[in-house]
Amino acid sequence: MKSIIFAGIMLAGMTAAPLTGQSATPPAPADIAANDQGKAIFSTQCGKCHDADGSKKLADGTTLLGRLAKNKDPESRLATRLKNPQERHQVFLYLQPMIEREGLSGATKKAP
């Protein structure tokens, strides 16, 4: 009987990770490298106006992350400033988690 309960607990624990948003596998080294390159490109080319994390308020009160979170295709929106497709994609990989968080926080701010 104890082994059945233990097996049930183990199964529940294994299925809980996807529900909490945690990935079972770590990111691939290529993804980490692209993210690091994207961060470097963003910091040097965009960071002066948007800060290193894209959170600096602009003249109209919005942030780059807020604008990108509202856009249906944020990667293509980056093309207005980043003409090199590879660099644009690397910057997008760097910004993507922040854009997703901004989108979620913006949705919760609007809820009554």
PDB file of N, CA and C in Angstrom:
ATOM      1  N   MET A   1       0.820  -1.193   0.000  1.00  0.00           N
ATOM      2  CA  MET A   1       0.000   0.000   0.000  1.00  0.00           C
ATOM      3  C   MET A   1       0.864   1.257   0.000  1.00  0.00           C
ATOM      4  N   LYS A   2       1.952   1.245   0.794  1.00  0.00           N
ATOM      5  CA  LYS A   2       2.827   2.407   0.857  1.00  0.00           C
ATOM      6  C   LYS A   2       3.471   2.685  -0.498  1.00  0.00           C
ATOM      7  N   SER A   3       3.826   1.623  -1.236  1.00  0.00           N
ATOM      8  CA  SER A   3       4.463   1.826  -2.536  1.00  0.00           C
ATOM      9  C   SER A   3       3.493   2.436  -3.532  1.00  0.00           C
ATOM     10  N   ILE A   4       2.211   2.137  -3.436  1.00  0.00           N
ATOM     11  CA  ILE A   4       1.211   2.729  -4.328  1.00  0.00           C
ATOM     12  C   ILE A   4       1.075   4.217  -4.021  1.00  0.00           C
ATOM     13  N   ILE A   5       1.032   4.578  -2.754  1.00  0.00           N
ATOM     14  CA  ILE A   5       0.944   5.987  -2.362  1.00  0.00           C
ATOM     15  C   ILE A   5       2.193   6.725  -2.808  1.00  0.00           C
ATOM     16  N   PHE A   6       3.371   6.130  -2.589  1.00  0.00           N
ATOM     17  CA  PHE A   6       4.627   6.757  -3.007  1.00  0.00           C
ATOM     18  C   PHE A   6       4.646   6.973  -4.516  1.00  0.00           C
ATOM     19  N   ALA A   7       4.204   5.980  -5.278  1.00  0.00           N
ATOM     20  CA  ALA A   7       4.174   6.099  -6.741  1.00  0.00           C
ATOM     21  C   ALA A   7       3.240   7.222  -7.162  1.00  0.00           C
ATOM     22  N   GLY A   8       2.117   7.354  -6.478  1.00  0.00           N
ATOM     23  CA  GLY A   8       1.172   8.437  -6.790  1.00  0.00           C
ATOM     24  C   GLY A   8       1.773   9.807  -6.513  1.00  0.00           C
ATOM     25  N   ILE A   9       2.495   9.907  -5.405  1.00  0.00           N
ATOM     26  CA  ILE A   9       3.151  11.171  -5.052  1.00  0.00           C
ATOM     27  C   ILE A   9       4.237  11.508  -6.077  1.00  0.00           C
ATOM     28  N   MET A  10       5.010  10.511  -6.475  1.00  0.00           N
ATOM     29  CA  MET A  10       6.059  10.737  -7.475  1.00  0.00           C
ATOM     30  C   MET A  10       5.460  11.178  -8.798  1.00  0.00           C
ATOM     31  N   LEU A  11       4.375  10.538  -9.221  1.00  0.00           N
ATOM     32  CA  LEU A  11       3.728  10.901 -10.469  1.00  0.00           C
ATOM     33  C   LEU A  11       3.200  12.323 -10.394  1.00  0.00           C
ATOM     34  N   ALA A  12       2.601  12.681  -9.286  1.00  0.00           N
ATOM     35  CA  ALA A  12       2.087  14.040  -9.119  1.00  0.00           C
ATOM     36  C   ALA A  12       3.230  15.048  -9.166  1.00  0.00           C
ATOM     37  N   GLY A  13       4.348  14.718  -8.554  1.00  0.00           N
ATOM     38  CA  GLY A  13       5.502  15.624  -8.571  1.00  0.00           C
ATOM     39  C   GLY A  13       6.075  15.809  -9.956  1.00  0.00           C
ATOM     40  N   MET A  14       6.081  14.746 -10.736  1.00  0.00           N
ATOM     41  CA  MET A  14       6.631  14.847 -12.090  1.00  0.00           C
ATOM     42  C   MET A  14       5.726  15.650 -13.002  1.00  0.00           C
ATOM     43  N   THR A  15       4.436  15.622 -12.782  1.00  0.00           N
ATOM     44  CA  THR A  15       3.521  16.369 -13.642  1.00  0.00           C
ATOM     45  C   THR A  15       3.360  17.802 -13.177  1.00  0.00           C
ATOM     46  N   ALA A  16       3.793  18.136 -11.977  1.00  0.00           N
ATOM     47  CA  ALA A  16       3.626  19.495 -11.460  1.00  0.00           C
ATOM     48  C   ALA A  16       4.584  20.477 -12.114  1.00  0.00           C
ATOM     49  N   ALA A  17       5.764  20.044 -12.518  1.00  0.00           N
ATOM     50  CA  ALA A  17       6.748  20.966 -13.093  1.00  0.00           C
ATOM     51  C   ALA A  17       6.214  21.706 -14.307  1.00  0.00           C
ATOM     52  N   PRO A  18       5.560  21.039 -15.283  1.00  0.00           N
ATOM     53  CA  PRO A  18       5.037  21.801 -16.413  1.00  0.00           C
ATOM     54  C   PRO A  18       3.951  22.788 -16.006  1.00  0.00           C
ATOM     55  N   LEU A  19       3.203  22.471 -14.973  1.00  0.00           N
ATOM     56  CA  LEU A  19       2.146  23.365 -14.540  1.00  0.00           C
ATOM     57  C   LEU A  19       2.691  24.619 -13.874  1.00  0.00           C
ATOM     58  N   THR A  20       3.865  24.544 -13.301  1.00  0.00           N
ATOM     59  CA  THR A  20       4.444  25.707 -12.636  1.00  0.00           C
ATOM     60  C   THR A  20       5.280  26.557 -13.575  1.00  0.00           C
ATOM     61  N   GLY A  21       5.379  26.163 -14.823  1.00  0.00           N
ATOM     62  CA  GLY A  21       6.138  26.938 -15.787  1.00  0.00           C
ATOM     63  C   GLY A  21       7.614  26.617 -15.799  1.00  0.00           C
ATOM     64  N   GLN A  22       8.033  25.625 -15.024  1.00  0.00           N
ATOM     65  CA  GLN A  22       9.433  25.254 -14.990  1.00  0.00           C
ATOM     66  C   GLN A  22       9.704  24.237 -16.081  1.00  0.00           C
ATOM     67  N   SER A  23      10.766  24.428 -16.782  1.00  0.00           N
ATOM     68  CA  SER A  23      11.132  23.511 -17.847  1.00  0.00           C
ATOM     69  C   SER A  23      11.887  22.334 -17.266  1.00  0.00           C
ATOM     70  N   ALA A  24      11.616  21.145 -17.793  1.00  0.00           N
ATOM     71  CA  ALA A  24      12.297  19.955 -17.313  1.00  0.00           C
ATOM     72  C   ALA A  24      13.720  19.875 -17.859  1.00  0.00           C
ATOM     73  N   THR A  25      13.974  20.495 -19.002  1.00  0.00           N
ATOM     74  CA  THR A  25      15.304  20.455 -19.598  1.00  0.00           C
ATOM     75  C   THR A  25      15.906  21.851 -19.607  1.00  0.00           C
ATOM     76  N   PRO A  26      17.179  21.956 -19.320  1.00  0.00           N
ATOM     77  CA  PRO A  26      17.821  23.275 -19.350  1.00  0.00           C
ATOM     78  C   PRO A  26      17.959  23.761 -20.790  1.00  0.00           C
ATOM     79  N   PRO A  27      18.112  25.073 -20.996  1.00  0.00           N
ATOM     80  CA  PRO A  27      18.282  25.588 -22.358  1.00  0.00           C
ATOM     81  C   PRO A  27      19.562  25.045 -22.995  1.00  0.00           C
ATOM     82  N   ALA A  28      19.518  24.886 -24.287  1.00  0.00           N
ATOM     83  CA  ALA A  28      20.678  24.399 -25.031  1.00  0.00           C
ATOM     84  C   ALA A  28      21.777  25.456 -25.028  1.00  0.00           C
ATOM     85  N   PRO A  29      23.046  25.045 -25.083  1.00  0.00           N
ATOM     86  CA  PRO A  29      24.147  26.012 -25.107  1.00  0.00           C
ATOM     87  C   PRO A  29      24.015  27.037 -26.245  1.00  0.00           C
ATOM     88  N   ALA A  30      23.502  26.604 -27.400  1.00  0.00           N
ATOM     89  CA  ALA A  30      23.334  27.533 -28.520  1.00  0.00           C
ATOM     90  C   ALA A  30      22.323  28.616 -28.167  1.00  0.00           C
ATOM     91  N   ASP A  31      21.242  28.247 -27.440  1.00  0.00           N
ATOM     92  CA  ASP A  31      20.250  29.227 -27.020  1.00  0.00           C
ATOM     93  C   ASP A  31      20.849  30.222 -26.029  1.00  0.00           C
ATOM     94  N   ILE A  32      21.666  29.721 -25.122  1.00  0.00           N
ATOM     95  CA  ILE A  32      22.318  30.584 -24.134  1.00  0.00           C
ATOM     96  C   ILE A  32      23.259  31.553 -24.838  1.00  0.00           C
ATOM     97  N   ALA A  33      24.021  31.063 -25.813  1.00  0.00           N
ATOM     98  CA  ALA A  33      24.951  31.917 -26.554  1.00  0.00           C
ATOM     99  C   ALA A  33      24.201  32.980 -27.331  1.00  0.00           C
ATOM    100  N   ALA A  34      23.098  32.610 -27.989  1.00  0.00           N
ATOM    101  CA  ALA A  34      22.311  33.582 -28.743  1.00  0.00           C
ATOM    102  C   ALA A  34      21.720  34.626 -27.811  1.00  0.00           C
ATOM    103  N   ASN A  35      21.279  34.207 -26.632  1.00  0.00           N
ATOM    104  CA  ASN A  35      20.737  35.128 -25.648  1.00  0.00           C
ATOM    105  C   ASN A  35      21.811  36.110 -25.196  1.00  0.00           C
ATOM    106  N   ASP A  36      23.011  35.600 -24.914  1.00  0.00           N
ATOM    107  CA  ASP A  36      24.118  36.466 -24.490  1.00  0.00           C
ATOM    108  C   ASP A  36      24.492  37.452 -25.596  1.00  0.00           C
ATOM    109  N   GLN A  37      24.513  36.984 -26.832  1.00  0.00           N
ATOM    110  CA  GLN A  37      24.818  37.873 -27.961  1.00  0.00           C
ATOM    111  C   GLN A  37      23.718  38.920 -28.110  1.00  0.00           C
ATOM    112  N   GLY A  38      22.469  38.503 -27.955  1.00  0.00           N
ATOM    113  CA  GLY A  38      21.351  39.439 -28.042  1.00  0.00           C
ATOM    114  C   GLY A  38      21.429  40.505 -26.972  1.00  0.00           C
ATOM    115  N   LYS A  39      21.811  40.100 -25.775  1.00  0.00           N
ATOM    116  CA  LYS A  39      21.952  41.059 -24.678  1.00  0.00           C
ATOM    117  C   LYS A  39      23.054  42.069 -24.998  1.00  0.00           C
ATOM    118  N   ALA A  40      24.175  41.591 -25.535  1.00  0.00           N
ATOM    119  CA  ALA A  40      25.284  42.484 -25.884  1.00  0.00           C
ATOM    120  C   ALA A  40      24.868  43.468 -26.985  1.00  0.00           C
ATOM    121  N   ILE A  41      24.183  42.975 -27.999  1.00  0.00           N
ATOM    122  CA  ILE A  41      23.726  43.843 -29.091  1.00  0.00           C
ATOM    123  C   ILE A  41      22.739  44.869 -28.549  1.00  0.00           C
ATOM    124  N   PHE A  42      21.784  44.420 -27.749  1.00  0.00           N
ATOM    125  CA  PHE A  42      20.784  45.333 -27.198  1.00  0.00           C
ATOM    126  C   PHE A  42      21.438  46.391 -26.322  1.00  0.00           C
ATOM    127  N   SER A  43      22.373  45.965 -25.484  1.00  0.00           N
ATOM    128  CA  SER A  43      23.033  46.913 -24.581  1.00  0.00           C
ATOM    129  C   SER A  43      23.784  47.994 -25.337  1.00  0.00           C
ATOM    130  N   THR A  44      24.478  47.612 -26.413  1.00  0.00           N
ATOM    131  CA  THR A  44      25.281  48.603 -27.137  1.00  0.00           C
ATOM    132  C   THR A  44      24.452  49.447 -28.106  1.00  0.00           C
ATOM    133  N   GLN A  45      23.446  48.844 -28.747  1.00  0.00           N
ATOM    134  CA  GLN A  45      22.709  49.586 -29.769  1.00  0.00           C
ATOM    135  C   GLN A  45      21.401  50.204 -29.266  1.00  0.00           C
ATOM    136  N   CYS A  46      20.825  49.650 -28.232  1.00  0.00           N
ATOM    137  CA  CYS A  46      19.500  50.090 -27.799  1.00  0.00           C
ATOM    138  C   CYS A  46      19.485  50.603 -26.357  1.00  0.00           C
ATOM    139  N   GLY A  47      20.466  50.180 -25.576  1.00  0.00           N
ATOM    140  CA  GLY A  47      20.485  50.468 -24.150  1.00  0.00           C
ATOM    141  C   GLY A  47      20.559  51.935 -23.786  1.00  0.00           C
ATOM    142  N   LYS A  48      21.112  52.753 -24.665  1.00  0.00           N
ATOM    143  CA  LYS A  48      21.205  54.183 -24.345  1.00  0.00           C
ATOM    144  C   LYS A  48      19.824  54.809 -24.158  1.00  0.00           C
ATOM    145  N   CYS A  49      18.894  54.411 -24.982  1.00  0.00           N
ATOM    146  CA  CYS A  49      17.542  54.983 -24.915  1.00  0.00           C
ATOM    147  C   CYS A  49      16.573  54.139 -24.098  1.00  0.00           C
ATOM    148  N   HIS A  50      16.820  52.825 -24.009  1.00  0.00           N
ATOM    149  CA  HIS A  50      15.844  51.937 -23.395  1.00  0.00           C
ATOM    150  C   HIS A  50      16.339  51.254 -22.127  1.00  0.00           C
ATOM    151  N   ASP A  51      17.548  51.540 -21.670  1.00  0.00           N
ATOM    152  CA  ASP A  51      18.197  50.843 -20.561  1.00  0.00           C
ATOM    153  C   ASP A  51      18.498  49.399 -20.964  1.00  0.00           C
ATOM    154  N   ALA A  52      19.305  48.742 -20.186  1.00  0.00           N
ATOM    155  CA  ALA A  52      19.760  47.394 -20.533  1.00  0.00           C
ATOM    156  C   ALA A  52      18.631  46.369 -20.531  1.00  0.00           C
ATOM    157  N   ASP A  53      17.543  46.663 -19.807  1.00  0.00           N
ATOM    158  CA  ASP A  53      16.436  45.704 -19.749  1.00  0.00           C
ATOM    159  C   ASP A  53      15.172  46.202 -20.455  1.00  0.00           C
ATOM    160  N   GLY A  54      15.261  47.284 -21.204  1.00  0.00           N
ATOM    161  CA  GLY A  54      14.124  47.778 -21.975  1.00  0.00           C
ATOM    162  C   GLY A  54      13.024  48.413 -21.154  1.00  0.00           C
ATOM    163  N   SER A  55      13.312  48.770 -19.899  1.00  0.00           N
ATOM    164  CA  SER A  55      12.266  49.263 -19.008  1.00  0.00           C
ATOM    165  C   SER A  55      12.223  50.782 -18.851  1.00  0.00           C
ATOM    166  N   LYS A  56      13.126  51.507 -19.494  1.00  0.00           N
ATOM    167  CA  LYS A  56      13.160  52.967 -19.342  1.00  0.00           C
ATOM    168  C   LYS A  56      11.923  53.587 -19.983  1.00  0.00           C
ATOM    169  N   LYS A  57      11.270  54.465 -19.241  1.00  0.00           N
ATOM    170  CA  LYS A  57      10.086  55.160 -19.765  1.00  0.00           C
ATOM    171  C   LYS A  57      10.522  56.123 -20.862  1.00  0.00           C
ATOM    172  N   LEU A  58       9.775  56.115 -21.948  1.00  0.00           N
ATOM    173  CA  LEU A  58      10.035  57.003 -23.070  1.00  0.00           C
ATOM    174  C   LEU A  58       9.201  58.265 -22.903  1.00  0.00           C
ATOM    175  N   ALA A  59       9.348  59.207 -23.826  1.00  0.00           N
ATOM    176  CA  ALA A  59       8.674  60.502 -23.718  1.00  0.00           C
ATOM    177  C   ALA A  59       7.152  60.362 -23.586  1.00  0.00           C
ATOM    178  N   ASP A  60       6.574  59.354 -24.211  1.00  0.00           N
ATOM    179  CA  ASP A  60       5.115  59.181 -24.139  1.00  0.00           C
ATOM    180  C   ASP A  60       4.666  58.360 -22.938  1.00  0.00           C
ATOM    181  N   GLY A  61       5.591  57.996 -22.057  1.00  0.00           N
ATOM    182  CA  GLY A  61       5.264  57.255 -20.849  1.00  0.00           C
ATOM    183  C   GLY A  61       5.281  55.746 -20.999  1.00  0.00           C
ATOM    184  N   THR A  62       5.465  55.251 -22.205  1.00  0.00           N
ATOM    185  CA  THR A  62       5.526  53.803 -22.422  1.00  0.00           C
ATOM    186  C   THR A  62       6.968  53.335 -22.334  1.00  0.00           C
ATOM    187  N   THR A  63       7.150  52.017 -22.357  1.00  0.00           N
ATOM    188  CA  THR A  63       8.484  51.421 -22.420  1.00  0.00           C
ATOM    189  C   THR A  63       8.563  50.574 -23.678  1.00  0.00           C
ATOM    190  N   LEU A  64       9.769  50.259 -24.088  1.00  0.00           N
ATOM    191  CA  LEU A  64       9.945  49.385 -25.236  1.00  0.00           C
ATOM    192  C   LEU A  64       9.278  48.039 -24.978  1.00  0.00           C
ATOM    193  N   LEU A  65       9.449  47.495 -23.781  1.00  0.00           N
ATOM    194  CA  LEU A  65       8.838  46.204 -23.463  1.00  0.00           C
ATOM    195  C   LEU A  65       7.318  46.272 -23.552  1.00  0.00           C
ATOM    196  N   GLY A  66       6.743  47.347 -23.075  1.00  0.00           N
ATOM    197  CA  GLY A  66       5.296  47.519 -23.159  1.00  0.00           C
ATOM    198  C   GLY A  66       4.822  47.585 -24.590  1.00  0.00           C
ATOM    199  N   ARG A  67       5.542  48.308 -25.413  1.00  0.00           N
ATOM    200  CA  ARG A  67       5.179  48.407 -26.826  1.00  0.00           C
ATOM    201  C   ARG A  67       5.281  47.056 -27.516  1.00  0.00           C
ATOM    202  N   LEU A  68       6.376  46.344 -27.256  1.00  0.00           N
ATOM    203  CA  LEU A  68       6.571  45.044 -27.894  1.00  0.00           C
ATOM    204  C   LEU A  68       5.554  44.017 -27.398  1.00  0.00           C
ATOM    205  N   ALA A  69       5.163  44.096 -26.128  1.00  0.00           N
ATOM    206  CA  ALA A  69       4.187  43.159 -25.568  1.00  0.00           C
ATOM    207  C   ALA A  69       2.821  43.328 -26.232  1.00  0.00           C
ATOM    208  N   LYS A  70       2.517  44.526 -26.668  1.00  0.00           N
ATOM    209  CA  LYS A  70       1.230  44.782 -27.321  1.00  0.00           C
ATOM    210  C   LYS A  70       1.252  44.443 -28.810  1.00  0.00           C
ATOM    211  N   ASN A  71       2.429  44.210 -29.357  1.00  0.00           N
ATOM    212  CA  ASN A  71       2.573  43.957 -30.789  1.00  0.00           C
ATOM    213  C   ASN A  71       2.385  42.476 -31.089  1.00  0.00           C
ATOM    214  N   LYS A  72       1.699  42.168 -32.180  1.00  0.00           N
ATOM    215  CA  LYS A  72       1.456  40.767 -32.558  1.00  0.00           C
ATOM    216  C   LYS A  72       2.733  40.075 -33.018  1.00  0.00           C
ATOM    217  N   ASP A  73       3.660  40.826 -33.577  1.00  0.00           N
ATOM    218  CA  ASP A  73       4.929  40.242 -34.047  1.00  0.00           C
ATOM    219  C   ASP A  73       6.071  41.127 -33.565  1.00  0.00           C
ATOM    220  N   PRO A  74       6.441  40.999 -32.283  1.00  0.00           N
ATOM    221  CA  PRO A  74       7.460  41.891 -31.732  1.00  0.00           C
ATOM    222  C   PRO A  74       8.814  41.778 -32.416  1.00  0.00           C
ATOM    223  N   GLU A  75       9.154  40.586 -32.912  1.00  0.00           N
ATOM    224  CA  GLU A  75      10.455  40.447 -33.577  1.00  0.00           C
ATOM    225  C   GLU A  75      10.511  41.301 -34.840  1.00  0.00           C
ATOM    226  N   SER A  76       9.443  41.319 -35.615  1.00  0.00           N
ATOM    227  CA  SER A  76       9.458  42.141 -36.828  1.00  0.00           C
ATOM    228  C   SER A  76       9.425  43.629 -36.476  1.00  0.00           C
ATOM    229  N   ARG A  77       8.839  43.970 -35.344  1.00  0.00           N
ATOM    230  CA  ARG A  77       8.814  45.368 -34.892  1.00  0.00           C
ATOM    231  C   ARG A  77      10.233  45.866 -34.604  1.00  0.00           C
ATOM    232  N   LEU A  78      11.094  44.967 -34.175  1.00  0.00           N
ATOM    233  CA  LEU A  78      12.489  45.331 -33.914  1.00  0.00           C
ATOM    234  C   LEU A  78      13.223  45.706 -35.201  1.00  0.00           C
ATOM    235  N   ALA A  79      12.681  45.312 -36.353  1.00  0.00           N
ATOM    236  CA  ALA A  79      13.324  45.591 -37.635  1.00  0.00           C
ATOM    237  C   ALA A  79      13.383  47.083 -37.945  1.00  0.00           C
ATOM    238  N   THR A  80      12.593  47.898 -37.246  1.00  0.00           N
ATOM    239  CA  THR A  80      12.656  49.336 -37.496  1.00  0.00           C
ATOM    240  C   THR A  80      14.017  49.905 -37.117  1.00  0.00           C
ATOM    241  N   ARG A  81      14.699  49.251 -36.187  1.00  0.00           N
ATOM    242  CA  ARG A  81      16.018  49.726 -35.753  1.00  0.00           C
ATOM    243  C   ARG A  81      17.138  48.736 -36.041  1.00  0.00           C
ATOM    244  N   LEU A  82      16.832  47.453 -35.976  1.00  0.00           N
ATOM    245  CA  LEU A  82      17.849  46.423 -36.171  1.00  0.00           C
ATOM    246  C   LEU A  82      17.670  45.807 -37.557  1.00  0.00           C
ATOM    247  N   LYS A  83      18.489  46.224 -38.490  1.00  0.00           N
ATOM    248  CA  LYS A  83      18.340  45.794 -39.889  1.00  0.00           C
ATOM    249  C   LYS A  83      18.898  44.402 -40.156  1.00  0.00           C
ATOM    250  N   ASN A  84      19.910  43.986 -39.404  1.00  0.00           N
ATOM    251  CA  ASN A  84      20.506  42.667 -39.591  1.00  0.00           C
ATOM    252  C   ASN A  84      19.572  41.608 -39.006  1.00  0.00           C
ATOM    253  N   PRO A  85      19.031  40.687 -39.841  1.00  0.00           N
ATOM    254  CA  PRO A  85      18.074  39.693 -39.340  1.00  0.00           C
ATOM    255  C   PRO A  85      18.623  38.802 -38.231  1.00  0.00           C
ATOM    256  N   GLN A  86      19.891  38.420 -38.318  1.00  0.00           N
ATOM    257  CA  GLN A  86      20.471  37.563 -37.283  1.00  0.00           C
ATOM    258  C   GLN A  86      20.570  38.319 -35.958  1.00  0.00           C
ATOM    259  N   GLU A  87      21.045  39.549 -35.995  1.00  0.00           N
ATOM    260  CA  GLU A  87      21.139  40.346 -34.778  1.00  0.00           C
ATOM    261  C   GLU A  87      19.750  40.600 -34.201  1.00  0.00           C
ATOM    262  N   ARG A  88      18.791  40.884 -35.061  1.00  0.00           N
ATOM    263  CA  ARG A  88      17.416  41.131 -34.622  1.00  0.00           C
ATOM    264  C   ARG A  88      16.867  39.898 -33.897  1.00  0.00           C
ATOM    265  N   HIS A  89      17.111  38.725 -34.453  1.00  0.00           N
ATOM    266  CA  HIS A  89      16.618  37.496 -33.826  1.00  0.00           C
ATOM    267  C   HIS A  89      17.302  37.267 -32.477  1.00  0.00           C
ATOM    268  N   GLN A  90      18.593  37.533 -32.393  1.00  0.00           N
ATOM    269  CA  GLN A  90      19.301  37.364 -31.125  1.00  0.00           C
ATOM    270  C   GLN A  90      18.767  38.331 -30.071  1.00  0.00           C
ATOM    271  N   VAL A  91      18.506  39.567 -30.473  1.00  0.00           N
ATOM    272  CA  VAL A  91      17.938  40.538 -29.537  1.00  0.00           C
ATOM    273  C   VAL A  91      16.549  40.088 -29.104  1.00  0.00           C
ATOM    274  N   PHE A  92      15.766  39.570 -30.048  1.00  0.00           N
ATOM    275  CA  PHE A  92      14.437  39.083 -29.707  1.00  0.00           C
ATOM    276  C   PHE A  92      14.519  37.942 -28.691  1.00  0.00           C
ATOM    277  N   LEU A  93      15.458  37.009 -28.876  1.00  0.00           N
ATOM    278  CA  LEU A  93      15.617  35.904 -27.925  1.00  0.00           C
ATOM    279  C   LEU A  93      15.948  36.440 -26.527  1.00  0.00           C
ATOM    280  N   TYR A  94      16.744  37.501 -26.482  1.00  0.00           N
ATOM    281  CA  TYR A  94      17.085  38.113 -25.198  1.00  0.00           C
ATOM    282  C   TYR A  94      15.859  38.782 -24.567  1.00  0.00           C
ATOM    283  N   LEU A  95      15.087  39.502 -25.382  1.00  0.00           N
ATOM    284  CA  LEU A  95      13.955  40.257 -24.860  1.00  0.00           C
ATOM    285  C   LEU A  95      12.696  39.423 -24.634  1.00  0.00           C
ATOM    286  N   GLN A  96      12.577  38.302 -25.303  1.00  0.00           N
ATOM    287  CA  GLN A  96      11.339  37.528 -25.291  1.00  0.00           C
ATOM    288  C   GLN A  96      10.799  37.222 -23.888  1.00  0.00           C
ATOM    289  N   PRO A  97      11.605  36.723 -22.959  1.00  0.00           N
ATOM    290  CA  PRO A  97      11.044  36.468 -21.617  1.00  0.00           C
ATOM    291  C   PRO A  97      10.562  37.742 -20.933  1.00  0.00           C
ATOM    292  N   MET A  98      11.261  38.842 -21.152  1.00  0.00           N
ATOM    293  CA  MET A  98      10.849  40.115 -20.546  1.00  0.00           C
ATOM    294  C   MET A  98       9.563  40.626 -21.186  1.00  0.00           C
ATOM    295  N   ILE A  99       9.424  40.433 -22.505  1.00  0.00           N
ATOM    296  CA  ILE A  99       8.203  40.834 -23.210  1.00  0.00           C
ATOM    297  C   ILE A  99       7.021  40.024 -22.681  1.00  0.00           C
ATOM    298  N   GLU A 100       7.226  38.725 -22.495  1.00  0.00           N
ATOM    299  CA  GLU A 100       6.151  37.866 -21.994  1.00  0.00           C
ATOM    300  C   GLU A 100       5.741  38.284 -20.585  1.00  0.00           C
ATOM    301  N   ARG A 101       6.720  38.582 -19.723  1.00  0.00           N
ATOM    302  CA  ARG A 101       6.395  39.032 -18.363  1.00  0.00           C
ATOM    303  C   ARG A 101       5.639  40.351 -18.412  1.00  0.00           C
ATOM    304  N   GLU A 102       6.069  41.252 -19.280  1.00  0.00           N
ATOM    305  CA  GLU A 102       5.397  42.546 -19.416  1.00  0.00           C
ATOM    306  C   GLU A 102       3.967  42.363 -19.891  1.00  0.00           C
ATOM    307  N   GLY A 103       3.770  41.463 -20.838  1.00  0.00           N
ATOM    308  CA  GLY A 103       2.425  41.186 -21.331  1.00  0.00           C
ATOM    309  C   GLY A 103       1.530  40.637 -20.238  1.00  0.00           C
ATOM    310  N   LEU A 104       2.077  39.746 -19.413  1.00  0.00           N
ATOM    311  CA  LEU A 104       1.299  39.187 -18.304  1.00  0.00           C
ATOM    312  C   LEU A 104       1.015  40.240 -17.244  1.00  0.00           C
ATOM    313  N   SER A 105       1.999  41.072 -16.924  1.00  0.00           N
ATOM    314  CA  SER A 105       1.775  42.089 -15.910  1.00  0.00           C
ATOM    315  C   SER A 105       0.818  43.162 -16.416  1.00  0.00           C
ATOM    316  N   GLY A 106       0.864  43.454 -17.709  1.00  0.00           N
ATOM    317  CA  GLY A 106      -0.075  44.414 -18.290  1.00  0.00           C
ATOM    318  C   GLY A 106      -1.489  43.888 -18.270  1.00  0.00           C
ATOM    319  N   ALA A 107      -1.652  42.591 -18.471  1.00  0.00           N
ATOM    320  CA  ALA A 107      -2.986  41.983 -18.437  1.00  0.00           C
ATOM    321  C   ALA A 107      -3.559  42.011 -17.029  1.00  0.00           C
ATOM    322  N   THR A 108      -2.704  41.794 -16.026  1.00  0.00           N
ATOM    323  CA  THR A 108      -3.204  41.803 -14.644  1.00  0.00           C
ATOM    324  C   THR A 108      -3.468  43.218 -14.158  1.00  0.00           C
ATOM    325  N   LYS A 109      -2.760  44.198 -14.690  1.00  0.00           N
ATOM    326  CA  LYS A 109      -3.012  45.594 -14.300  1.00  0.00           C
ATOM    327  C   LYS A 109      -4.369  46.053 -14.789  1.00  0.00           C
ATOM    328  N   LYS A 110      -4.797  45.553 -15.959  1.00  0.00           N
ATOM    329  CA  LYS A 110      -6.072  45.967 -16.543  1.00  0.00           C
ATOM    330  C   LYS A 110      -7.257  45.301 -15.869  1.00  0.00           C
ATOM    331  N   ALA A 111      -7.024  44.144 -15.238  1.00  0.00           N
ATOM    332  CA  ALA A 111      -8.130  43.409 -14.611  1.00  0.00           C
ATOM    333  C   ALA A 111      -8.614  44.177 -13.385  1.00  0.00           C
ATOM    334  N   PRO A 112      -9.944  44.242 -13.166  1.00  0.00           N
ATOM    335  CA  PRO A 112     -10.459  44.993 -12.005  1.00  0.00           C
ATOM    336  C   PRO A 112     -10.208  44.292 -10.696  1.00  0.00           C
TER     337      PRO A 112
END
